[in-house]
Amino acid sequence: MTVIDAERVLDALEDLYPEARAELHFSNPYETLVATILSAQCTDKRVNQVTEQLFVRYPNVESMARASIEELEPQIKSCGLYHNKAKNIIAACQAIVADYHSVVPSDRKELMSLPGVGQKTAGVVLLAAFGEDQIPVDTHVFRVSNRIGLVHASTPIETERQLRAILPRERWSHGHHLIIWHGRRCCAARKPACDRCPLSDSLCEKNNVKD
């Protein structure tokens, strides 16, 4: 796929989702980091329900660093994987307090040194909290990008590398949101709604997509 073709894909998705944006609720880098960790294998709607009260009880890095795993787990249980998430959130905040003077780092390498923070989470924090041009690859971006032929990759990291190569940098961040919205609202994993997809005829048939 050429750069021009890739831009046409984003143009079509912009027409379909003019309101596309981040759907997690956060107001600062700390909240962005915690919400993103909680969002693994969980819906943004559920995370937002949990963090509404969580950020009242733990309003900053220092307060979360002082929390115990035993008291945090019940508060985030409905997000799933709560044992690991509680451990990683507290450990990440403790590392931020100890190593970064309680300031969430804005460097990818430093972010990825924190417990529970991988390539995707670091990318989301850099995009959402620090305004960097990023195209983090979650399950929706991975599925949709490969399904419609934007990329041909077997891993999220390779998907991100190929997307960075095919999409203009100034469209990475919004393109990330557009692809996620399409994955959530149309291009589902098991039963994609191809009948109402503006990309299905031109792209998906070429890539042998099956419902």
N, C-alpha and C. Protein backbone atom coordinates (compact mmCIF):
# COMPACT_ATOMS: atom_id res chain seq x y z
N MET A 1 0.85 -1.19 0.00
CA MET A 1 0.00 0.00 0.00
C MET A 1 0.88 1.24 0.00
N THR A 2 0.54 2.22 -0.84
CA THR A 2 1.32 3.45 -0.92
C THR A 2 0.90 4.41 0.18
N VAL A 3 1.71 5.44 0.37
CA VAL A 3 1.36 6.48 1.35
C VAL A 3 0.05 7.14 0.96
N ILE A 4 -0.15 7.37 -0.33
CA ILE A 4 -1.39 7.99 -0.80
C ILE A 4 -2.59 7.11 -0.46
N ASP A 5 -2.48 5.81 -0.70
CA ASP A 5 -3.57 4.89 -0.36
C ASP A 5 -3.84 4.89 1.14
N ALA A 6 -2.78 4.91 1.94
CA ALA A 6 -2.95 4.91 3.39
C ALA A 6 -3.66 6.18 3.85
N GLU A 7 -3.32 7.30 3.25
CA GLU A 7 -3.99 8.55 3.61
C GLU A 7 -5.46 8.52 3.21
N ARG A 8 -5.76 7.87 2.10
CA ARG A 8 -7.16 7.75 1.68
C ARG A 8 -7.96 6.91 2.68
N VAL A 9 -7.31 5.90 3.25
CA VAL A 9 -7.97 5.10 4.28
C VAL A 9 -8.32 5.99 5.47
N LEU A 10 -7.36 6.79 5.93
CA LEU A 10 -7.64 7.69 7.05
C LEU A 10 -8.70 8.72 6.69
N ASP A 11 -8.68 9.21 5.46
CA ASP A 11 -9.71 10.16 5.03
C ASP A 11 -11.10 9.54 5.13
N ALA A 12 -11.22 8.28 4.69
CA ALA A 12 -12.51 7.59 4.75
C ALA A 12 -12.95 7.39 6.20
N LEU A 13 -12.00 7.05 7.07
CA LEU A 13 -12.35 6.85 8.48
C LEU A 13 -12.68 8.18 9.16
N GLU A 14 -12.04 9.27 8.75
CA GLU A 14 -12.37 10.58 9.31
C GLU A 14 -13.80 10.98 8.93
N ASP A 15 -14.21 10.65 7.71
CA ASP A 15 -15.58 10.92 7.30
C ASP A 15 -16.57 10.11 8.13
N LEU A 16 -16.17 8.89 8.48
CA LEU A 16 -17.05 8.00 9.23
C LEU A 16 -17.09 8.35 10.72
N TYR A 17 -15.94 8.80 11.26
CA TYR A 17 -15.84 9.07 12.69
C TYR A 17 -15.26 10.47 12.93
N PRO A 18 -15.99 11.52 12.61
CA PRO A 18 -15.44 12.87 12.78
C PRO A 18 -15.16 13.22 14.24
N GLU A 19 -15.78 12.49 15.16
CA GLU A 19 -15.61 12.78 16.58
C GLU A 19 -14.58 11.87 17.24
N ALA A 20 -13.83 11.09 16.47
CA ALA A 20 -12.89 10.12 17.05
C ALA A 20 -11.88 10.79 17.98
N ARG A 21 -11.69 10.18 19.14
CA ARG A 21 -10.81 10.73 20.17
C ARG A 21 -10.52 9.64 21.19
N ALA A 22 -9.67 9.94 22.14
CA ALA A 22 -9.43 9.01 23.25
C ALA A 22 -10.70 8.87 24.07
N GLU A 23 -11.00 7.65 24.49
CA GLU A 23 -12.23 7.42 25.27
C GLU A 23 -11.96 7.12 26.74
N LEU A 24 -10.69 6.97 27.10
CA LEU A 24 -10.36 6.90 28.52
C LEU A 24 -10.42 8.29 29.12
N HIS A 25 -10.79 8.38 30.38
CA HIS A 25 -10.86 9.67 31.08
C HIS A 25 -9.60 9.86 31.92
N PHE A 26 -8.93 10.96 31.73
CA PHE A 26 -7.74 11.29 32.51
C PHE A 26 -7.49 12.78 32.37
N SER A 27 -6.72 13.35 33.30
CA SER A 27 -6.47 14.78 33.26
C SER A 27 -5.00 15.14 33.44
N ASN A 28 -4.15 14.14 33.62
CA ASN A 28 -2.72 14.40 33.79
C ASN A 28 -1.94 13.12 33.48
N PRO A 29 -0.61 13.19 33.39
CA PRO A 29 0.17 12.00 33.04
C PRO A 29 0.00 10.83 34.01
N TYR A 30 -0.10 11.11 35.30
CA TYR A 30 -0.32 10.04 36.28
C TYR A 30 -1.62 9.29 36.00
N GLU A 31 -2.71 10.02 35.82
CA GLU A 31 -3.99 9.39 35.54
C GLU A 31 -3.95 8.64 34.20
N THR A 32 -3.26 9.20 33.22
CA THR A 32 -3.14 8.54 31.93
C THR A 32 -2.44 7.20 32.07
N LEU A 33 -1.36 7.18 32.82
CA LEU A 33 -0.60 5.95 33.02
C LEU A 33 -1.44 4.88 33.71
N VAL A 34 -2.10 5.24 34.80
CA VAL A 34 -2.90 4.27 35.55
C VAL A 34 -4.07 3.77 34.70
N ALA A 35 -4.78 4.66 34.05
CA ALA A 35 -5.93 4.26 33.24
C ALA A 35 -5.50 3.34 32.10
N THR A 36 -4.35 3.62 31.51
CA THR A 36 -3.88 2.80 30.39
C THR A 36 -3.49 1.41 30.86
N ILE A 37 -2.84 1.30 32.00
CA ILE A 37 -2.52 -0.02 32.56
C ILE A 37 -3.80 -0.79 32.85
N LEU A 38 -4.80 -0.12 33.40
CA LEU A 38 -6.07 -0.78 33.72
C LEU A 38 -6.82 -1.22 32.47
N SER A 39 -6.58 -0.56 31.35
CA SER A 39 -7.36 -0.82 30.14
C SER A 39 -6.97 -2.11 29.41
N ALA A 40 -5.87 -2.75 29.82
CA ALA A 40 -5.47 -4.00 29.17
C ALA A 40 -6.57 -5.04 29.32
N GLN A 41 -7.07 -5.55 28.20
CA GLN A 41 -8.13 -6.55 28.17
C GLN A 41 -9.35 -6.12 28.97
N CYS A 42 -9.65 -4.82 28.89
CA CYS A 42 -10.82 -4.27 29.58
C CYS A 42 -11.35 -3.11 28.74
N THR A 43 -12.65 -2.87 28.81
CA THR A 43 -13.23 -1.78 28.03
C THR A 43 -12.92 -0.43 28.67
N ASP A 44 -12.84 0.59 27.84
CA ASP A 44 -12.62 1.94 28.37
C ASP A 44 -13.77 2.36 29.27
N LYS A 45 -14.98 1.94 28.92
CA LYS A 45 -16.15 2.30 29.74
C LYS A 45 -16.00 1.79 31.16
N ARG A 46 -15.58 0.54 31.31
CA ARG A 46 -15.38 -0.02 32.64
C ARG A 46 -14.25 0.69 33.38
N VAL A 47 -13.15 0.95 32.69
CA VAL A 47 -12.03 1.65 33.32
C VAL A 47 -12.47 3.01 33.83
N ASN A 48 -13.23 3.73 33.02
CA ASN A 48 -13.70 5.06 33.43
C ASN A 48 -14.58 4.98 34.68
N GLN A 49 -15.39 3.93 34.77
CA GLN A 49 -16.23 3.76 35.96
C GLN A 49 -15.36 3.55 37.20
N VAL A 50 -14.29 2.79 37.04
CA VAL A 50 -13.41 2.49 38.17
C VAL A 50 -12.58 3.71 38.56
N THR A 51 -12.00 4.38 37.56
CA THR A 51 -11.08 5.48 37.88
C THR A 51 -11.80 6.72 38.42
N GLU A 52 -13.09 6.82 38.18
CA GLU A 52 -13.83 7.98 38.71
C GLU A 52 -13.66 8.08 40.22
N GLN A 53 -13.74 6.94 40.92
CA GLN A 53 -13.54 6.92 42.36
C GLN A 53 -12.08 6.69 42.74
N LEU A 54 -11.38 5.94 41.91
CA LEU A 54 -9.98 5.62 42.22
C LEU A 54 -9.13 6.87 42.32
N PHE A 55 -9.34 7.81 41.41
CA PHE A 55 -8.51 9.02 41.41
C PHE A 55 -8.92 10.00 42.50
N VAL A 56 -10.07 9.80 43.08
CA VAL A 56 -10.43 10.58 44.26
C VAL A 56 -9.65 10.06 45.47
N ARG A 57 -9.58 8.75 45.56
CA ARG A 57 -8.88 8.15 46.70
C ARG A 57 -7.36 8.26 46.55
N TYR A 58 -6.87 8.15 45.32
CA TYR A 58 -5.44 8.24 45.05
C TYR A 58 -5.22 9.33 43.99
N PRO A 59 -5.16 10.58 44.40
CA PRO A 59 -5.15 11.68 43.43
C PRO A 59 -3.81 11.95 42.76
N ASN A 60 -2.75 11.28 43.22
CA ASN A 60 -1.44 11.56 42.64
C ASN A 60 -0.51 10.36 42.80
N VAL A 61 0.66 10.49 42.22
CA VAL A 61 1.64 9.39 42.25
C VAL A 61 1.99 9.00 43.68
N GLU A 62 2.19 9.98 44.54
CA GLU A 62 2.62 9.69 45.90
C GLU A 62 1.58 8.87 46.66
N SER A 63 0.32 9.24 46.53
CA SER A 63 -0.72 8.51 47.26
C SER A 63 -0.86 7.08 46.74
N MET A 64 -0.72 6.89 45.44
CA MET A 64 -0.79 5.53 44.90
C MET A 64 0.43 4.72 45.30
N ALA A 65 1.59 5.37 45.39
CA ALA A 65 2.81 4.66 45.80
C ALA A 65 2.71 4.15 47.23
N ARG A 66 1.90 4.80 48.04
CA ARG A 66 1.73 4.39 49.44
C ARG A 66 0.67 3.31 49.61
N ALA A 67 -0.09 3.04 48.57
CA ALA A 67 -1.18 2.06 48.66
C ALA A 67 -0.62 0.65 48.80
N SER A 68 -1.41 -0.21 49.40
CA SER A 68 -1.03 -1.63 49.46
C SER A 68 -1.77 -2.39 48.36
N ILE A 69 -1.17 -3.47 47.94
CA ILE A 69 -1.81 -4.29 46.92
C ILE A 69 -3.16 -4.79 47.42
N GLU A 70 -3.23 -5.15 48.69
CA GLU A 70 -4.46 -5.70 49.26
C GLU A 70 -5.60 -4.69 49.24
N GLU A 71 -5.31 -3.40 49.41
CA GLU A 71 -6.39 -2.42 49.40
C GLU A 71 -6.72 -1.96 47.98
N LEU A 72 -5.76 -2.05 47.07
CA LEU A 72 -6.02 -1.61 45.70
C LEU A 72 -6.78 -2.66 44.88
N GLU A 73 -6.47 -3.92 45.11
CA GLU A 73 -7.08 -4.98 44.30
C GLU A 73 -8.60 -4.92 44.25
N PRO A 74 -9.30 -4.82 45.39
CA PRO A 74 -10.77 -4.81 45.32
C PRO A 74 -11.33 -3.62 44.52
N GLN A 75 -10.59 -2.52 44.50
CA GLN A 75 -11.08 -1.33 43.80
C GLN A 75 -10.96 -1.43 42.28
N ILE A 76 -10.06 -2.30 41.81
CA ILE A 76 -9.86 -2.43 40.37
C ILE A 76 -10.24 -3.81 39.86
N LYS A 77 -10.83 -4.62 40.70
CA LYS A 77 -11.12 -6.02 40.36
C LYS A 77 -11.95 -6.15 39.10
N SER A 78 -12.91 -5.26 38.91
CA SER A 78 -13.81 -5.37 37.76
C SER A 78 -13.11 -5.10 36.43
N CYS A 79 -11.88 -4.60 36.47
CA CYS A 79 -11.11 -4.37 35.24
C CYS A 79 -10.41 -5.62 34.75
N GLY A 80 -10.43 -6.69 35.55
CA GLY A 80 -9.77 -7.92 35.16
C GLY A 80 -8.27 -7.86 35.39
N LEU A 81 -7.66 -9.04 35.48
CA LEU A 81 -6.20 -9.15 35.68
C LEU A 81 -5.75 -8.27 36.85
N TYR A 82 -6.58 -8.17 37.86
CA TYR A 82 -6.37 -7.16 38.90
C TYR A 82 -5.16 -7.45 39.79
N HIS A 83 -4.77 -8.71 39.91
CA HIS A 83 -3.58 -9.01 40.73
C HIS A 83 -2.35 -8.33 40.13
N ASN A 84 -2.10 -8.61 38.86
CA ASN A 84 -0.94 -8.02 38.19
C ASN A 84 -1.07 -6.51 38.04
N LYS A 85 -2.27 -6.04 37.73
CA LYS A 85 -2.46 -4.61 37.53
C LYS A 85 -2.20 -3.84 38.82
N ALA A 86 -2.70 -4.34 39.94
CA ALA A 86 -2.47 -3.67 41.22
C ALA A 86 -0.98 -3.64 41.55
N LYS A 87 -0.32 -4.77 41.36
CA LYS A 87 1.12 -4.85 41.64
C LYS A 87 1.90 -3.87 40.77
N ASN A 88 1.58 -3.85 39.47
CA ASN A 88 2.33 -3.01 38.54
C ASN A 88 2.05 -1.52 38.76
N ILE A 89 0.81 -1.17 39.02
CA ILE A 89 0.47 0.24 39.23
C ILE A 89 1.21 0.79 40.44
N ILE A 90 1.16 0.05 41.55
CA ILE A 90 1.83 0.52 42.76
C ILE A 90 3.34 0.57 42.56
N ALA A 91 3.90 -0.48 41.96
CA ALA A 91 5.35 -0.52 41.74
C ALA A 91 5.80 0.59 40.78
N ALA A 92 5.00 0.86 39.75
CA ALA A 92 5.34 1.93 38.81
C ALA A 92 5.35 3.28 39.52
N CYS A 93 4.35 3.51 40.36
CA CYS A 93 4.28 4.79 41.08
C CYS A 93 5.41 4.90 42.09
N GLN A 94 5.77 3.81 42.72
CA GLN A 94 6.90 3.85 43.65
C GLN A 94 8.20 4.18 42.91
N ALA A 95 8.37 3.63 41.72
CA ALA A 95 9.56 3.92 40.92
C ALA A 95 9.58 5.37 40.47
N ILE A 96 8.41 5.91 40.13
CA ILE A 96 8.33 7.31 39.71
C ILE A 96 8.71 8.23 40.87
N VAL A 97 8.23 7.90 42.06
CA VAL A 97 8.59 8.70 43.25
C VAL A 97 10.09 8.61 43.52
N ALA A 98 10.63 7.40 43.47
CA ALA A 98 12.03 7.19 43.84
C ALA A 98 13.01 7.69 42.78
N ASP A 99 12.67 7.48 41.51
CA ASP A 99 13.64 7.74 40.44
C ASP A 99 13.39 9.00 39.64
N TYR A 100 12.16 9.52 39.69
CA TYR A 100 11.82 10.66 38.83
C TYR A 100 11.17 11.80 39.60
N HIS A 101 11.42 11.85 40.89
CA HIS A 101 10.94 12.96 41.73
C HIS A 101 9.43 13.13 41.61
N SER A 102 8.73 12.02 41.54
CA SER A 102 7.27 11.98 41.50
C SER A 102 6.67 12.55 40.21
N VAL A 103 7.48 12.67 39.17
CA VAL A 103 7.01 13.18 37.88
C VAL A 103 7.04 12.04 36.87
N VAL A 104 5.91 11.74 36.25
CA VAL A 104 5.86 10.69 35.23
C VAL A 104 6.80 11.07 34.09
N PRO A 105 7.75 10.20 33.75
CA PRO A 105 8.72 10.55 32.70
C PRO A 105 8.06 10.68 31.33
N SER A 106 8.63 11.54 30.51
CA SER A 106 8.11 11.76 29.16
C SER A 106 9.01 11.15 28.09
N ASP A 107 9.90 10.26 28.50
CA ASP A 107 10.82 9.58 27.60
C ASP A 107 10.38 8.12 27.47
N ARG A 108 10.33 7.61 26.23
CA ARG A 108 9.84 6.25 26.00
C ARG A 108 10.65 5.21 26.78
N LYS A 109 11.97 5.30 26.71
CA LYS A 109 12.81 4.33 27.39
C LYS A 109 12.57 4.35 28.89
N GLU A 110 12.45 5.53 29.45
CA GLU A 110 12.21 5.65 30.89
C GLU A 110 10.82 5.12 31.25
N LEU A 111 9.84 5.42 30.45
CA LEU A 111 8.50 4.89 30.70
C LEU A 111 8.51 3.37 30.68
N MET A 112 9.20 2.79 29.69
CA MET A 112 9.20 1.35 29.55
C MET A 112 10.05 0.65 30.61
N SER A 113 10.79 1.43 31.39
CA SER A 113 11.52 0.84 32.52
C SER A 113 10.60 0.64 33.73
N LEU A 114 9.40 1.23 33.69
CA LEU A 114 8.47 1.11 34.80
C LEU A 114 7.74 -0.23 34.75
N PRO A 115 7.44 -0.83 35.89
CA PRO A 115 6.71 -2.09 35.92
C PRO A 115 5.36 -1.96 35.20
N GLY A 116 5.04 -2.94 34.36
CA GLY A 116 3.76 -2.97 33.69
C GLY A 116 3.63 -2.08 32.48
N VAL A 117 4.70 -1.40 32.10
CA VAL A 117 4.65 -0.48 30.97
C VAL A 117 5.43 -1.06 29.79
N GLY A 118 4.71 -1.42 28.74
CA GLY A 118 5.32 -1.92 27.53
C GLY A 118 5.24 -0.90 26.42
N GLN A 119 5.47 -1.37 25.21
CA GLN A 119 5.50 -0.49 24.03
C GLN A 119 4.19 0.27 23.85
N LYS A 120 3.07 -0.44 23.95
CA LYS A 120 1.77 0.20 23.72
C LYS A 120 1.43 1.21 24.80
N THR A 121 1.60 0.81 26.06
CA THR A 121 1.27 1.72 27.17
C THR A 121 2.14 2.97 27.12
N ALA A 122 3.42 2.80 26.85
CA ALA A 122 4.31 3.96 26.74
C ALA A 122 3.86 4.88 25.61
N GLY A 123 3.48 4.29 24.49
CA GLY A 123 3.01 5.09 23.36
C GLY A 123 1.75 5.88 23.68
N VAL A 124 0.82 5.24 24.39
CA VAL A 124 -0.42 5.94 24.77
C VAL A 124 -0.11 7.11 25.69
N VAL A 125 0.76 6.90 26.67
CA VAL A 125 1.10 7.98 27.60
C VAL A 125 1.79 9.13 26.87
N LEU A 126 2.71 8.81 25.98
CA LEU A 126 3.40 9.85 25.22
C LEU A 126 2.43 10.63 24.34
N LEU A 127 1.48 9.92 23.74
CA LEU A 127 0.49 10.57 22.88
C LEU A 127 -0.49 11.41 23.70
N ALA A 128 -1.13 10.76 24.68
CA ALA A 128 -2.24 11.39 25.38
C ALA A 128 -1.80 12.40 26.43
N ALA A 129 -0.72 12.11 27.12
CA ALA A 129 -0.30 12.98 28.22
C ALA A 129 0.71 14.04 27.80
N PHE A 130 1.50 13.73 26.78
CA PHE A 130 2.58 14.65 26.40
C PHE A 130 2.47 15.17 24.97
N GLY A 131 1.41 14.79 24.27
CA GLY A 131 1.15 15.36 22.96
C GLY A 131 2.11 14.96 21.86
N GLU A 132 2.82 13.85 22.04
CA GLU A 132 3.74 13.39 21.00
C GLU A 132 3.00 12.71 19.86
N ASP A 133 3.60 12.72 18.68
CA ASP A 133 3.09 11.95 17.56
C ASP A 133 3.42 10.49 17.80
N GLN A 134 2.40 9.69 18.05
CA GLN A 134 2.58 8.28 18.33
C GLN A 134 1.44 7.50 17.68
N ILE A 135 1.68 6.22 17.43
CA ILE A 135 0.60 5.35 16.93
C ILE A 135 0.67 4.02 17.68
N PRO A 136 0.28 4.03 18.96
CA PRO A 136 0.33 2.81 19.76
C PRO A 136 -0.56 1.72 19.16
N VAL A 137 -0.12 0.49 19.27
CA VAL A 137 -0.86 -0.63 18.66
C VAL A 137 -1.49 -1.48 19.75
N ASP A 138 -2.81 -1.33 19.90
CA ASP A 138 -3.56 -2.21 20.79
C ASP A 138 -4.19 -3.31 19.93
N THR A 139 -5.09 -4.09 20.52
CA THR A 139 -5.68 -5.21 19.79
C THR A 139 -6.49 -4.75 18.58
N HIS A 140 -7.15 -3.59 18.68
CA HIS A 140 -7.94 -3.08 17.56
C HIS A 140 -7.05 -2.59 16.43
N VAL A 141 -6.02 -1.83 16.77
CA VAL A 141 -5.11 -1.33 15.74
C VAL A 141 -4.41 -2.49 15.04
N PHE A 142 -4.00 -3.48 15.80
CA PHE A 142 -3.33 -4.65 15.22
C PHE A 142 -4.27 -5.38 14.26
N ARG A 143 -5.48 -5.66 14.70
CA ARG A 143 -6.43 -6.41 13.88
C ARG A 143 -6.83 -5.65 12.62
N VAL A 144 -7.28 -4.42 12.79
CA VAL A 144 -7.81 -3.66 11.67
C VAL A 144 -6.73 -3.32 10.66
N SER A 145 -5.57 -2.90 11.14
CA SER A 145 -4.49 -2.52 10.22
C SER A 145 -4.07 -3.68 9.33
N ASN A 146 -4.01 -4.88 9.92
CA ASN A 146 -3.65 -6.05 9.13
C ASN A 146 -4.81 -6.52 8.26
N ARG A 147 -6.01 -6.42 8.76
CA ARG A 147 -7.18 -6.89 8.00
C ARG A 147 -7.38 -6.09 6.73
N ILE A 148 -7.25 -4.79 6.81
CA ILE A 148 -7.52 -3.96 5.63
C ILE A 148 -6.27 -3.75 4.78
N GLY A 149 -5.15 -4.30 5.20
CA GLY A 149 -3.96 -4.25 4.37
C GLY A 149 -3.09 -3.03 4.53
N LEU A 150 -3.32 -2.23 5.57
CA LEU A 150 -2.39 -1.13 5.82
C LEU A 150 -1.00 -1.67 6.10
N VAL A 151 -0.96 -2.81 6.82
CA VAL A 151 0.30 -3.47 7.12
C VAL A 151 0.12 -4.97 6.93
N HIS A 152 1.22 -5.66 6.92
CA HIS A 152 1.23 -7.12 6.92
C HIS A 152 2.26 -7.54 7.96
N ALA A 153 1.78 -7.70 9.19
CA ALA A 153 2.70 -7.91 10.31
C ALA A 153 2.15 -8.98 11.24
N SER A 154 3.05 -9.67 11.91
CA SER A 154 2.64 -10.75 12.80
C SER A 154 2.69 -10.36 14.27
N THR A 155 3.21 -9.17 14.58
CA THR A 155 3.30 -8.73 15.97
C THR A 155 2.89 -7.25 16.08
N PRO A 156 2.46 -6.83 17.26
CA PRO A 156 2.14 -5.42 17.44
C PRO A 156 3.33 -4.50 17.18
N ILE A 157 4.52 -4.91 17.59
CA ILE A 157 5.70 -4.05 17.39
C ILE A 157 5.99 -3.86 15.91
N GLU A 158 5.88 -4.94 15.14
CA GLU A 158 6.10 -4.84 13.70
C GLU A 158 4.97 -4.04 13.04
N THR A 159 3.76 -4.19 13.56
CA THR A 159 2.63 -3.39 13.05
C THR A 159 2.90 -1.91 13.24
N GLU A 160 3.37 -1.54 14.43
CA GLU A 160 3.68 -0.13 14.69
C GLU A 160 4.79 0.37 13.76
N ARG A 161 5.80 -0.44 13.56
CA ARG A 161 6.90 -0.03 12.68
C ARG A 161 6.40 0.23 11.26
N GLN A 162 5.55 -0.66 10.76
CA GLN A 162 5.04 -0.49 9.40
C GLN A 162 4.08 0.69 9.30
N LEU A 163 3.26 0.90 10.31
CA LEU A 163 2.35 2.05 10.29
C LEU A 163 3.13 3.36 10.30
N ARG A 164 4.20 3.41 11.09
CA ARG A 164 5.03 4.61 11.11
C ARG A 164 5.63 4.89 9.73
N ALA A 165 5.92 3.82 8.99
CA ALA A 165 6.53 3.99 7.66
C ALA A 165 5.51 4.42 6.61
N ILE A 166 4.26 3.99 6.75
CA ILE A 166 3.28 4.21 5.69
C ILE A 166 2.43 5.46 5.92
N LEU A 167 2.33 5.92 7.18
CA LEU A 167 1.48 7.06 7.49
C LEU A 167 2.31 8.31 7.77
N PRO A 168 1.90 9.46 7.28
CA PRO A 168 2.60 10.71 7.61
C PRO A 168 2.60 10.92 9.12
N ARG A 169 3.72 11.37 9.65
CA ARG A 169 3.86 11.53 11.10
C ARG A 169 2.75 12.37 11.71
N GLU A 170 2.34 13.43 11.01
CA GLU A 170 1.33 14.32 11.56
C GLU A 170 -0.04 13.66 11.66
N ARG A 171 -0.19 12.45 11.09
CA ARG A 171 -1.46 11.75 11.15
C ARG A 171 -1.40 10.51 12.04
N TRP A 172 -0.26 10.26 12.66
CA TRP A 172 -0.15 9.07 13.51
C TRP A 172 -1.17 9.07 14.64
N SER A 173 -1.19 10.14 15.41
CA SER A 173 -2.00 10.15 16.64
C SER A 173 -3.49 10.05 16.34
N HIS A 174 -3.97 10.89 15.41
CA HIS A 174 -5.39 10.82 15.10
C HIS A 174 -5.71 9.54 14.35
N GLY A 175 -4.76 9.08 13.52
CA GLY A 175 -4.97 7.81 12.84
C GLY A 175 -5.14 6.66 13.82
N HIS A 176 -4.38 6.70 14.91
CA HIS A 176 -4.51 5.71 15.99
C HIS A 176 -5.94 5.68 16.51
N HIS A 177 -6.52 6.85 16.80
CA HIS A 177 -7.89 6.91 17.30
C HIS A 177 -8.89 6.45 16.25
N LEU A 178 -8.69 6.84 15.01
CA LEU A 178 -9.61 6.45 13.94
C LEU A 178 -9.66 4.93 13.78
N ILE A 179 -8.51 4.30 13.78
CA ILE A 179 -8.47 2.85 13.60
C ILE A 179 -9.11 2.15 14.79
N ILE A 180 -8.87 2.65 16.00
CA ILE A 180 -9.50 2.06 17.19
C ILE A 180 -11.02 2.19 17.10
N TRP A 181 -11.51 3.37 16.74
CA TRP A 181 -12.96 3.56 16.63
C TRP A 181 -13.56 2.62 15.60
N HIS A 182 -12.86 2.42 14.48
CA HIS A 182 -13.37 1.52 13.45
C HIS A 182 -13.41 0.08 13.97
N GLY A 183 -12.39 -0.30 14.72
CA GLY A 183 -12.36 -1.65 15.28
C GLY A 183 -13.46 -1.88 16.30
N ARG A 184 -13.80 -0.86 17.07
CA ARG A 184 -14.83 -1.00 18.10
C ARG A 184 -16.24 -0.89 17.54
N ARG A 185 -16.42 -0.14 16.47
CA ARG A 185 -17.76 0.17 15.99
C ARG A 185 -18.15 -0.53 14.70
N CYS A 186 -17.19 -1.12 14.01
CA CYS A 186 -17.52 -1.72 12.72
C CYS A 186 -16.70 -2.99 12.46
N CYS A 187 -15.40 -2.89 12.52
CA CYS A 187 -14.51 -3.98 12.11
C CYS A 187 -14.20 -4.89 13.30
N ALA A 188 -15.24 -5.52 13.83
CA ALA A 188 -15.10 -6.37 15.01
C ALA A 188 -14.28 -7.61 14.69
N ALA A 189 -13.79 -8.27 15.74
CA ALA A 189 -12.91 -9.41 15.54
C ALA A 189 -13.63 -10.58 14.88
N ARG A 190 -14.83 -10.89 15.35
CA ARG A 190 -15.51 -12.09 14.87
C ARG A 190 -16.53 -11.83 13.78
N LYS A 191 -17.27 -10.73 13.90
CA LYS A 191 -18.30 -10.46 12.90
C LYS A 191 -18.20 -9.01 12.43
N PRO A 192 -17.23 -8.72 11.57
CA PRO A 192 -17.09 -7.35 11.08
C PRO A 192 -18.31 -6.95 10.25
N ALA A 193 -18.75 -5.70 10.44
CA ALA A 193 -19.94 -5.20 9.74
C ALA A 193 -19.54 -4.67 8.36
N CYS A 194 -19.15 -5.59 7.49
CA CYS A 194 -18.61 -5.20 6.17
C CYS A 194 -19.65 -4.48 5.32
N ASP A 195 -20.94 -4.74 5.57
CA ASP A 195 -21.98 -4.13 4.75
C ASP A 195 -22.05 -2.61 4.93
N ARG A 196 -21.54 -2.10 6.04
CA ARG A 196 -21.58 -0.65 6.24
C ARG A 196 -20.18 -0.04 6.37
N CYS A 197 -19.18 -0.79 5.91
CA CYS A 197 -17.80 -0.33 5.99
C CYS A 197 -17.38 0.32 4.68
N PRO A 198 -16.88 1.54 4.70
CA PRO A 198 -16.46 2.21 3.47
C PRO A 198 -15.18 1.63 2.88
N LEU A 199 -14.53 0.72 3.60
CA LEU A 199 -13.27 0.16 3.13
C LEU A 199 -13.41 -1.26 2.61
N SER A 200 -14.54 -1.89 2.84
CA SER A 200 -14.63 -3.33 2.59
C SER A 200 -14.45 -3.69 1.12
N ASP A 201 -15.07 -2.94 0.22
CA ASP A 201 -14.97 -3.29 -1.20
C ASP A 201 -13.57 -3.05 -1.74
N SER A 202 -13.00 -1.92 -1.38
CA SER A 202 -11.72 -1.53 -1.97
C SER A 202 -10.51 -2.23 -1.35
N LEU A 203 -10.62 -2.60 -0.07
CA LEU A 203 -9.44 -3.13 0.61
C LEU A 203 -9.62 -4.55 1.13
N CYS A 204 -10.68 -4.80 1.87
CA CYS A 204 -10.79 -6.07 2.57
C CYS A 204 -10.90 -7.25 1.62
N GLU A 205 -11.62 -7.09 0.50
CA GLU A 205 -11.73 -8.19 -0.44
C GLU A 205 -10.37 -8.54 -1.03
N LYS A 206 -9.54 -7.50 -1.23
CA LYS A 206 -8.20 -7.75 -1.75
C LYS A 206 -7.37 -8.55 -0.75
N ASN A 207 -7.70 -8.39 0.53
CA ASN A 207 -6.93 -9.06 1.57
C ASN A 207 -7.62 -10.32 2.09
N ASN A 208 -8.62 -10.79 1.34
CA ASN A 208 -9.28 -12.06 1.64
C ASN A 208 -9.88 -12.09 3.04
N VAL A 209 -10.55 -11.00 3.43
CA VAL A 209 -11.17 -10.96 4.74
C VAL A 209 -12.37 -11.89 4.79
N LYS A 210 -12.48 -12.64 5.85
CA LYS A 210 -13.62 -13.51 6.08
C LYS A 210 -14.37 -13.06 7.32
N ASP A 211 -15.70 -13.12 7.26
CA ASP A 211 -16.49 -12.77 8.45
C ASP A 211 -16.25 -13.79 9.54
